[in-house]
Amino acid sequence: MANEDEKESKVEELYSWISGIPLSKPTKNLSRDFSDAVMMAEILKQYYPRHVDLHNYMPVNSLNLKKENWNILNRKVLSKIDMKLNKDAINQLANCHPGAAENILLMLKKRISKDAESNSTQDPSCNDKENEFIEENSKSKNKLKNPKECNCNVYKVHDISFR
């Protein structure tokens, strides 16, 4: 009984977390809403904007197209953040299997927390190098230089305007 209460508490926390993320449509049923991978891509875009191109994921109803969306997301994004899914997990997600979406979202939430924690403990000079890069490139009319001098995992989007 305590295990069920704990599970229900995690699901409520998950719904609360998701409601704070701007998505293209409100969530009603996680299994159905996440079956085509579009909303998962939207969440990933919020936290890992460099890795996600939303134009790759179209809302679909066909089981094969849902699996294709998940395979693309798996290959292009999830594998890069060490969350690669196996075929069985993709089948469960595409088939709206109860609990499948919740499980992957809980895994994602943990991954995001872990990445945020590791970013907060990284070398403080990293932010200085990043700011130098932004400042230098915002003054330049040339192409952006490669900021590889800094080995940071920065998941922020910067608005760099050129005059």
N, C-alpha and C. Protein backbone atom coordinates (compact mmCIF):
# COMPACT_ATOMS: atom_id res chain seq x y z
N MET A 1 0.82 -1.19 0.00
CA MET A 1 0.00 0.00 0.00
C MET A 1 0.87 1.27 0.00
N ALA A 2 1.93 1.25 0.82
CA ALA A 2 2.85 2.39 0.85
C ALA A 2 3.54 2.55 -0.50
N ASN A 3 3.80 1.43 -1.17
CA ASN A 3 4.43 1.46 -2.48
C ASN A 3 3.52 2.14 -3.51
N GLU A 4 2.21 1.87 -3.43
CA GLU A 4 1.25 2.50 -4.33
C GLU A 4 1.16 3.99 -4.07
N ASP A 5 1.17 4.38 -2.78
CA ASP A 5 1.13 5.80 -2.44
C ASP A 5 2.37 6.53 -2.96
N GLU A 6 3.51 5.87 -2.84
CA GLU A 6 4.77 6.44 -3.33
C GLU A 6 4.72 6.61 -4.85
N LYS A 7 4.19 5.60 -5.53
CA LYS A 7 4.07 5.65 -6.99
C LYS A 7 3.12 6.78 -7.41
N GLU A 8 2.00 6.89 -6.72
CA GLU A 8 1.02 7.93 -7.02
C GLU A 8 1.61 9.32 -6.77
N SER A 9 2.40 9.44 -5.72
CA SER A 9 3.05 10.70 -5.40
C SER A 9 4.03 11.11 -6.50
N LYS A 10 4.79 10.14 -7.03
CA LYS A 10 5.72 10.42 -8.11
C LYS A 10 5.00 10.86 -9.38
N VAL A 11 3.86 10.22 -9.66
CA VAL A 11 3.08 10.58 -10.85
C VAL A 11 2.51 11.99 -10.70
N GLU A 12 2.03 12.32 -9.50
CA GLU A 12 1.51 13.67 -9.25
C GLU A 12 2.63 14.70 -9.42
N GLU A 13 3.81 14.39 -8.90
CA GLU A 13 4.96 15.27 -9.04
C GLU A 13 5.33 15.43 -10.52
N LEU A 14 5.22 14.35 -11.26
CA LEU A 14 5.51 14.37 -12.69
C LEU A 14 4.53 15.28 -13.43
N TYR A 15 3.24 15.15 -13.15
CA TYR A 15 2.23 16.02 -13.77
C TYR A 15 2.50 17.48 -13.43
N SER A 16 2.88 17.73 -12.19
CA SER A 16 3.18 19.09 -11.76
C SER A 16 4.38 19.65 -12.53
N TRP A 17 5.42 18.84 -12.68
CA TRP A 17 6.61 19.25 -13.42
C TRP A 17 6.26 19.55 -14.88
N ILE A 18 5.49 18.66 -15.50
CA ILE A 18 5.13 18.83 -16.91
C ILE A 18 4.24 20.06 -17.11
N SER A 19 3.37 20.34 -16.15
CA SER A 19 2.48 21.50 -16.29
C SER A 19 3.25 22.81 -16.28
N GLY A 20 4.47 22.80 -15.75
CA GLY A 20 5.31 24.00 -15.74
C GLY A 20 6.12 24.19 -17.00
N ILE A 21 6.01 23.26 -17.93
CA ILE A 21 6.78 23.33 -19.19
C ILE A 21 5.83 23.75 -20.31
N PRO A 22 6.18 24.79 -21.06
CA PRO A 22 5.29 25.20 -22.16
C PRO A 22 5.27 24.16 -23.28
N LEU A 23 4.11 23.57 -23.49
CA LEU A 23 3.93 22.56 -24.53
C LEU A 23 2.88 23.02 -25.52
N SER A 24 2.84 22.41 -26.69
CA SER A 24 1.92 22.82 -27.75
C SER A 24 0.47 22.52 -27.43
N LYS A 25 0.23 21.57 -26.54
CA LYS A 25 -1.15 21.26 -26.13
C LYS A 25 -1.13 20.77 -24.69
N PRO A 26 -2.26 20.93 -23.98
CA PRO A 26 -2.29 20.47 -22.59
C PRO A 26 -2.26 18.95 -22.50
N THR A 27 -1.68 18.43 -21.43
CA THR A 27 -1.62 16.98 -21.24
C THR A 27 -2.89 16.52 -20.54
N LYS A 28 -3.49 15.49 -21.10
CA LYS A 28 -4.70 14.90 -20.52
C LYS A 28 -4.43 13.47 -20.10
N ASN A 29 -3.80 12.73 -20.99
CA ASN A 29 -3.48 11.33 -20.75
C ASN A 29 -2.04 11.13 -21.23
N LEU A 30 -1.12 10.96 -20.28
CA LEU A 30 0.30 10.89 -20.65
C LEU A 30 0.59 9.82 -21.69
N SER A 31 -0.01 8.65 -21.54
CA SER A 31 0.26 7.56 -22.48
C SER A 31 -0.10 7.95 -23.91
N ARG A 32 -1.26 8.57 -24.08
CA ARG A 32 -1.68 8.98 -25.42
C ARG A 32 -0.94 10.22 -25.90
N ASP A 33 -0.79 11.19 -25.00
CA ASP A 33 -0.16 12.45 -25.39
C ASP A 33 1.30 12.28 -25.82
N PHE A 34 1.99 11.30 -25.24
CA PHE A 34 3.41 11.11 -25.55
C PHE A 34 3.66 9.97 -26.53
N SER A 35 2.61 9.37 -27.05
CA SER A 35 2.79 8.20 -27.92
C SER A 35 3.48 8.51 -29.24
N ASP A 36 3.36 9.75 -29.73
CA ASP A 36 3.99 10.06 -31.03
C ASP A 36 5.34 10.79 -30.88
N ALA A 37 5.82 10.95 -29.65
CA ALA A 37 7.13 11.54 -29.33
C ALA A 37 7.21 13.05 -29.51
N VAL A 38 6.16 13.69 -30.00
CA VAL A 38 6.20 15.13 -30.24
C VAL A 38 6.35 15.90 -28.93
N MET A 39 5.54 15.57 -27.94
CA MET A 39 5.62 16.30 -26.68
C MET A 39 6.93 16.01 -25.94
N MET A 40 7.45 14.82 -26.10
CA MET A 40 8.76 14.50 -25.51
C MET A 40 9.83 15.37 -26.16
N ALA A 41 9.75 15.54 -27.47
CA ALA A 41 10.70 16.40 -28.18
C ALA A 41 10.59 17.84 -27.69
N GLU A 42 9.36 18.29 -27.43
CA GLU A 42 9.16 19.66 -26.93
C GLU A 42 9.80 19.84 -25.55
N ILE A 43 9.65 18.85 -24.68
CA ILE A 43 10.27 18.92 -23.36
C ILE A 43 11.79 18.92 -23.50
N LEU A 44 12.30 18.03 -24.32
CA LEU A 44 13.75 17.96 -24.52
C LEU A 44 14.29 19.27 -25.10
N LYS A 45 13.51 19.92 -25.96
CA LYS A 45 13.92 21.19 -26.55
C LYS A 45 14.11 22.25 -25.47
N GLN A 46 13.30 22.20 -24.41
CA GLN A 46 13.42 23.16 -23.32
C GLN A 46 14.75 23.01 -22.58
N TYR A 47 15.20 21.78 -22.40
CA TYR A 47 16.38 21.52 -21.58
C TYR A 47 17.66 21.26 -22.39
N TYR A 48 17.52 20.79 -23.60
CA TYR A 48 18.67 20.49 -24.46
C TYR A 48 18.44 21.09 -25.85
N PRO A 49 18.34 22.41 -25.94
CA PRO A 49 17.95 23.03 -27.21
C PRO A 49 18.90 22.76 -28.37
N ARG A 50 20.18 22.52 -28.08
CA ARG A 50 21.15 22.25 -29.16
C ARG A 50 20.88 20.92 -29.85
N HIS A 51 20.26 20.00 -29.14
CA HIS A 51 20.09 18.64 -29.66
C HIS A 51 18.77 18.42 -30.40
N VAL A 52 17.80 19.30 -30.22
CA VAL A 52 16.45 19.02 -30.73
C VAL A 52 16.05 20.00 -31.83
N ASP A 53 15.63 19.45 -32.95
CA ASP A 53 15.01 20.23 -34.03
C ASP A 53 13.56 19.77 -34.11
N LEU A 54 12.65 20.61 -33.64
CA LEU A 54 11.24 20.21 -33.54
C LEU A 54 10.61 19.87 -34.89
N HIS A 55 11.15 20.41 -35.97
CA HIS A 55 10.56 20.13 -37.29
C HIS A 55 10.70 18.65 -37.67
N ASN A 56 11.54 17.90 -36.97
CA ASN A 56 11.70 16.47 -37.26
C ASN A 56 10.56 15.61 -36.72
N TYR A 57 9.70 16.19 -35.88
CA TYR A 57 8.67 15.39 -35.20
C TYR A 57 7.29 15.95 -35.51
N MET A 58 6.51 15.13 -36.23
CA MET A 58 5.17 15.54 -36.64
C MET A 58 4.13 14.77 -35.84
N PRO A 59 3.04 15.44 -35.44
CA PRO A 59 1.96 14.70 -34.77
C PRO A 59 1.37 13.68 -35.75
N VAL A 60 1.31 12.43 -35.32
CA VAL A 60 0.83 11.35 -36.19
C VAL A 60 -0.06 10.40 -35.40
N ASN A 61 -0.86 9.63 -36.13
CA ASN A 61 -1.73 8.63 -35.51
C ASN A 61 -1.31 7.20 -35.85
N SER A 62 -0.64 7.02 -36.95
CA SER A 62 -0.22 5.69 -37.39
C SER A 62 0.85 5.13 -36.45
N LEU A 63 0.70 3.87 -36.10
CA LEU A 63 1.65 3.21 -35.21
C LEU A 63 3.06 3.24 -35.80
N ASN A 64 3.19 2.96 -37.08
CA ASN A 64 4.52 2.96 -37.72
C ASN A 64 5.17 4.34 -37.70
N LEU A 65 4.36 5.39 -37.92
CA LEU A 65 4.91 6.74 -37.90
C LEU A 65 5.27 7.18 -36.48
N LYS A 66 4.49 6.73 -35.50
CA LYS A 66 4.84 7.01 -34.10
C LYS A 66 6.18 6.39 -33.76
N LYS A 67 6.36 5.13 -34.17
CA LYS A 67 7.64 4.45 -33.92
C LYS A 67 8.77 5.17 -34.63
N GLU A 68 8.51 5.65 -35.83
CA GLU A 68 9.54 6.38 -36.58
C GLU A 68 9.95 7.66 -35.84
N ASN A 69 8.95 8.40 -35.32
CA ASN A 69 9.25 9.59 -34.53
C ASN A 69 10.14 9.23 -33.33
N TRP A 70 9.76 8.16 -32.62
CA TRP A 70 10.53 7.74 -31.45
C TRP A 70 11.94 7.29 -31.85
N ASN A 71 12.06 6.62 -32.97
CA ASN A 71 13.39 6.18 -33.43
C ASN A 71 14.28 7.37 -33.76
N ILE A 72 13.70 8.39 -34.38
CA ILE A 72 14.46 9.60 -34.69
C ILE A 72 14.89 10.29 -33.40
N LEU A 73 13.96 10.44 -32.47
CA LEU A 73 14.27 11.08 -31.19
C LEU A 73 15.34 10.28 -30.44
N ASN A 74 15.21 8.97 -30.49
CA ASN A 74 16.16 8.09 -29.83
C ASN A 74 17.57 8.26 -30.41
N ARG A 75 17.64 8.27 -31.73
CA ARG A 75 18.94 8.36 -32.42
C ARG A 75 19.57 9.74 -32.29
N LYS A 76 18.76 10.79 -32.48
CA LYS A 76 19.31 12.14 -32.54
C LYS A 76 19.46 12.83 -31.19
N VAL A 77 18.65 12.45 -30.21
CA VAL A 77 18.66 13.19 -28.95
C VAL A 77 18.93 12.29 -27.74
N LEU A 78 18.09 11.29 -27.55
CA LEU A 78 18.20 10.47 -26.34
C LEU A 78 19.55 9.78 -26.22
N SER A 79 20.11 9.34 -27.32
CA SER A 79 21.42 8.68 -27.28
C SER A 79 22.51 9.66 -26.85
N LYS A 80 22.34 10.93 -27.15
CA LYS A 80 23.35 11.93 -26.79
C LYS A 80 23.30 12.32 -25.32
N ILE A 81 22.18 12.05 -24.67
CA ILE A 81 22.08 12.36 -23.23
C ILE A 81 22.05 11.08 -22.40
N ASP A 82 22.55 10.00 -22.97
CA ASP A 82 22.64 8.69 -22.29
C ASP A 82 21.29 8.18 -21.81
N MET A 83 20.29 8.28 -22.67
CA MET A 83 18.95 7.77 -22.34
C MET A 83 18.40 6.92 -23.48
N LYS A 84 19.25 6.28 -24.23
CA LYS A 84 18.82 5.52 -25.40
C LYS A 84 17.79 4.45 -25.00
N LEU A 85 16.71 4.38 -25.78
CA LEU A 85 15.63 3.42 -25.52
C LEU A 85 15.81 2.18 -26.38
N ASN A 86 15.37 1.03 -25.86
CA ASN A 86 15.39 -0.18 -26.68
C ASN A 86 14.08 -0.29 -27.46
N LYS A 87 14.02 -1.25 -28.38
CA LYS A 87 12.84 -1.41 -29.24
C LYS A 87 11.57 -1.67 -28.44
N ASP A 88 11.69 -2.44 -27.38
CA ASP A 88 10.53 -2.77 -26.55
C ASP A 88 9.95 -1.50 -25.92
N ALA A 89 10.81 -0.64 -25.41
CA ALA A 89 10.34 0.61 -24.80
C ALA A 89 9.66 1.49 -25.85
N ILE A 90 10.23 1.56 -27.04
CA ILE A 90 9.63 2.36 -28.12
C ILE A 90 8.27 1.79 -28.51
N ASN A 91 8.16 0.47 -28.61
CA ASN A 91 6.87 -0.16 -28.91
C ASN A 91 5.84 0.16 -27.84
N GLN A 92 6.24 0.08 -26.58
CA GLN A 92 5.31 0.38 -25.49
C GLN A 92 4.85 1.84 -25.55
N LEU A 93 5.77 2.75 -25.80
CA LEU A 93 5.42 4.16 -25.89
C LEU A 93 4.47 4.42 -27.07
N ALA A 94 4.79 3.89 -28.23
CA ALA A 94 3.97 4.10 -29.43
C ALA A 94 2.59 3.45 -29.30
N ASN A 95 2.51 2.35 -28.55
CA ASN A 95 1.24 1.65 -28.35
C ASN A 95 0.45 2.16 -27.15
N CYS A 96 0.87 3.26 -26.55
CA CYS A 96 0.19 3.86 -25.40
C CYS A 96 0.09 2.90 -24.22
N HIS A 97 1.11 2.08 -24.02
CA HIS A 97 1.11 1.12 -22.92
C HIS A 97 1.06 1.89 -21.60
N PRO A 98 0.14 1.53 -20.69
CA PRO A 98 0.03 2.24 -19.41
C PRO A 98 1.35 2.23 -18.63
N GLY A 99 1.77 3.39 -18.20
CA GLY A 99 2.98 3.51 -17.40
C GLY A 99 4.25 3.74 -18.20
N ALA A 100 4.23 3.48 -19.49
CA ALA A 100 5.45 3.63 -20.30
C ALA A 100 5.90 5.09 -20.38
N ALA A 101 4.96 5.99 -20.64
CA ALA A 101 5.30 7.41 -20.74
C ALA A 101 5.78 7.94 -19.38
N GLU A 102 5.10 7.52 -18.32
CA GLU A 102 5.49 7.95 -16.98
C GLU A 102 6.91 7.52 -16.67
N ASN A 103 7.25 6.28 -17.02
CA ASN A 103 8.59 5.77 -16.73
C ASN A 103 9.67 6.56 -17.47
N ILE A 104 9.45 6.82 -18.75
CA ILE A 104 10.46 7.55 -19.52
C ILE A 104 10.56 9.00 -19.04
N LEU A 105 9.42 9.58 -18.66
CA LEU A 105 9.45 10.96 -18.16
C LEU A 105 10.16 11.05 -16.81
N LEU A 106 9.96 10.05 -15.96
CA LEU A 106 10.68 10.04 -14.68
C LEU A 106 12.19 9.90 -14.91
N MET A 107 12.56 9.06 -15.87
CA MET A 107 13.98 8.91 -16.22
C MET A 107 14.54 10.24 -16.74
N LEU A 108 13.76 10.92 -17.58
CA LEU A 108 14.19 12.20 -18.14
C LEU A 108 14.35 13.24 -17.03
N LYS A 109 13.41 13.28 -16.13
CA LYS A 109 13.46 14.24 -15.02
C LYS A 109 14.73 14.03 -14.20
N LYS A 110 15.06 12.76 -13.92
CA LYS A 110 16.29 12.46 -13.19
C LYS A 110 17.52 12.89 -13.98
N ARG A 111 17.52 12.63 -15.28
CA ARG A 111 18.65 12.99 -16.14
C ARG A 111 18.84 14.51 -16.14
N ILE A 112 17.75 15.25 -16.26
CA ILE A 112 17.83 16.71 -16.28
C ILE A 112 18.38 17.22 -14.95
N SER A 113 17.90 16.66 -13.85
CA SER A 113 18.40 17.06 -12.52
C SER A 113 19.88 16.76 -12.39
N LYS A 114 20.28 15.59 -12.85
CA LYS A 114 21.69 15.19 -12.77
C LYS A 114 22.56 16.12 -13.62
N ASP A 115 22.10 16.44 -14.84
CA ASP A 115 22.86 17.34 -15.71
C ASP A 115 22.93 18.75 -15.12
N ALA A 116 21.83 19.21 -14.53
CA ALA A 116 21.82 20.54 -13.91
C ALA A 116 22.79 20.58 -12.74
N GLU A 117 22.83 19.51 -11.98
CA GLU A 117 23.73 19.42 -10.83
C GLU A 117 25.19 19.42 -11.29
N SER A 118 25.49 18.65 -12.32
CA SER A 118 26.87 18.59 -12.81
C SER A 118 27.28 19.92 -13.44
N ASN A 119 26.34 20.63 -14.06
CA ASN A 119 26.66 21.94 -14.63
C ASN A 119 26.92 22.97 -13.55
N SER A 120 26.25 22.85 -12.41
CA SER A 120 26.45 23.82 -11.34
C SER A 120 27.77 23.58 -10.61
N THR A 121 28.32 22.38 -10.72
CA THR A 121 29.58 22.07 -10.04
C THR A 121 30.78 22.13 -10.98
N GLN A 122 30.58 22.56 -12.22
CA GLN A 122 31.68 22.60 -13.18
C GLN A 122 32.60 23.79 -12.90
N ASP A 123 33.69 23.84 -13.57
CA ASP A 123 34.70 24.88 -13.42
C ASP A 123 34.09 26.26 -13.64
N PRO A 124 34.16 27.17 -12.64
CA PRO A 124 33.56 28.50 -12.79
C PRO A 124 34.18 29.31 -13.93
N SER A 125 35.42 29.03 -14.28
CA SER A 125 36.05 29.77 -15.37
C SER A 125 35.37 29.47 -16.70
N CYS A 126 34.63 28.38 -16.74
CA CYS A 126 33.91 27.99 -17.95
C CYS A 126 32.92 29.08 -18.35
N ASN A 127 32.18 29.62 -17.38
CA ASN A 127 31.21 30.66 -17.70
C ASN A 127 31.92 31.91 -18.22
N ASP A 128 33.11 32.21 -17.68
CA ASP A 128 33.87 33.36 -18.17
C ASP A 128 34.25 33.17 -19.63
N LYS A 129 34.71 31.97 -19.99
CA LYS A 129 35.09 31.69 -21.38
C LYS A 129 33.87 31.79 -22.29
N GLU A 130 32.74 31.28 -21.79
CA GLU A 130 31.51 31.35 -22.59
C GLU A 130 31.11 32.80 -22.82
N ASN A 131 31.17 33.63 -21.78
CA ASN A 131 30.80 35.04 -21.91
C ASN A 131 31.76 35.77 -22.84
N GLU A 132 33.06 35.46 -22.77
CA GLU A 132 34.03 36.05 -23.70
C GLU A 132 33.68 35.69 -25.14
N PHE A 133 33.32 34.44 -25.36
CA PHE A 133 32.94 33.97 -26.69
C PHE A 133 31.74 34.76 -27.21
N ILE A 134 30.73 34.92 -26.37
CA ILE A 134 29.51 35.62 -26.77
C ILE A 134 29.82 37.08 -27.07
N GLU A 135 30.57 37.72 -26.17
CA GLU A 135 30.91 39.12 -26.35
C GLU A 135 31.73 39.34 -27.63
N GLU A 136 32.73 38.50 -27.83
CA GLU A 136 33.60 38.60 -29.00
C GLU A 136 32.80 38.42 -30.29
N ASN A 137 31.90 37.46 -30.30
CA ASN A 137 31.14 37.16 -31.52
C ASN A 137 29.99 38.13 -31.75
N SER A 138 29.51 38.78 -30.69
CA SER A 138 28.43 39.74 -30.90
C SER A 138 28.95 41.01 -31.55
N LYS A 139 30.26 41.28 -31.42
CA LYS A 139 30.86 42.46 -32.04
C LYS A 139 31.31 42.18 -33.47
N SER A 140 31.50 40.93 -33.78
CA SER A 140 32.05 40.54 -35.07
C SER A 140 30.96 40.38 -36.12
N LYS A 141 31.31 40.71 -37.36
CA LYS A 141 30.38 40.45 -38.45
C LYS A 141 30.74 39.16 -39.17
N ASN A 142 31.82 38.54 -38.74
CA ASN A 142 32.25 37.28 -39.33
C ASN A 142 31.44 36.13 -38.76
N LYS A 143 31.71 34.96 -39.31
CA LYS A 143 31.05 33.77 -38.78
C LYS A 143 31.50 33.53 -37.35
N LEU A 144 30.66 32.86 -36.59
CA LEU A 144 31.00 32.54 -35.21
C LEU A 144 32.25 31.67 -35.15
N LYS A 145 33.09 31.94 -34.17
CA LYS A 145 34.25 31.10 -33.93
C LYS A 145 33.80 29.92 -33.09
N ASN A 146 34.55 28.88 -33.15
CA ASN A 146 34.21 27.67 -32.41
C ASN A 146 34.59 27.81 -30.94
N PRO A 147 33.63 27.68 -30.00
CA PRO A 147 33.92 27.86 -28.58
C PRO A 147 34.43 26.59 -27.91
N LYS A 148 35.21 25.77 -28.62
CA LYS A 148 35.66 24.48 -28.09
C LYS A 148 36.69 24.62 -26.98
N GLU A 149 37.22 25.85 -26.76
CA GLU A 149 38.20 26.03 -25.69
C GLU A 149 37.59 25.66 -24.35
N CYS A 150 36.30 25.81 -24.24
CA CYS A 150 35.60 25.51 -22.99
C CYS A 150 34.92 24.16 -23.14
N ASN A 151 35.24 23.22 -22.28
CA ASN A 151 34.65 21.88 -22.37
C ASN A 151 33.40 21.77 -21.51
N CYS A 152 32.56 22.78 -21.55
CA CYS A 152 31.36 22.80 -20.72
C CYS A 152 30.20 22.12 -21.43
N ASN A 153 29.29 21.63 -20.66
CA ASN A 153 28.02 21.15 -21.19
C ASN A 153 27.01 22.26 -20.95
N VAL A 154 26.98 23.24 -21.81
CA VAL A 154 26.10 24.38 -21.64
C VAL A 154 24.85 24.14 -22.47
N TYR A 155 23.71 24.20 -21.81
CA TYR A 155 22.45 23.94 -22.49
C TYR A 155 21.60 25.20 -22.50
N LYS A 156 22.22 26.34 -22.69
CA LYS A 156 21.48 27.59 -22.73
C LYS A 156 21.46 28.08 -24.17
N VAL A 157 20.44 28.84 -24.50
CA VAL A 157 20.36 29.45 -25.82
C VAL A 157 20.69 30.92 -25.63
N HIS A 158 21.59 31.42 -26.45
CA HIS A 158 21.98 32.82 -26.35
C HIS A 158 21.53 33.54 -27.60
N ASP A 159 20.96 34.71 -27.40
CA ASP A 159 20.52 35.53 -28.51
C ASP A 159 21.68 36.44 -28.88
N ILE A 160 22.34 36.13 -29.97
CA ILE A 160 23.48 36.92 -30.41
C ILE A 160 23.04 37.72 -31.63
N SER A 161 23.06 39.03 -31.50
CA SER A 161 22.64 39.86 -32.63
C SER A 161 23.87 40.47 -33.28
N PHE A 162 23.82 40.59 -34.59
CA PHE A 162 24.91 41.17 -35.36
C PHE A 162 24.42 42.48 -35.96
N ARG A 163 25.32 43.46 -35.99
CA ARG A 163 24.93 44.77 -36.53
C ARG A 163 25.54 44.99 -37.87
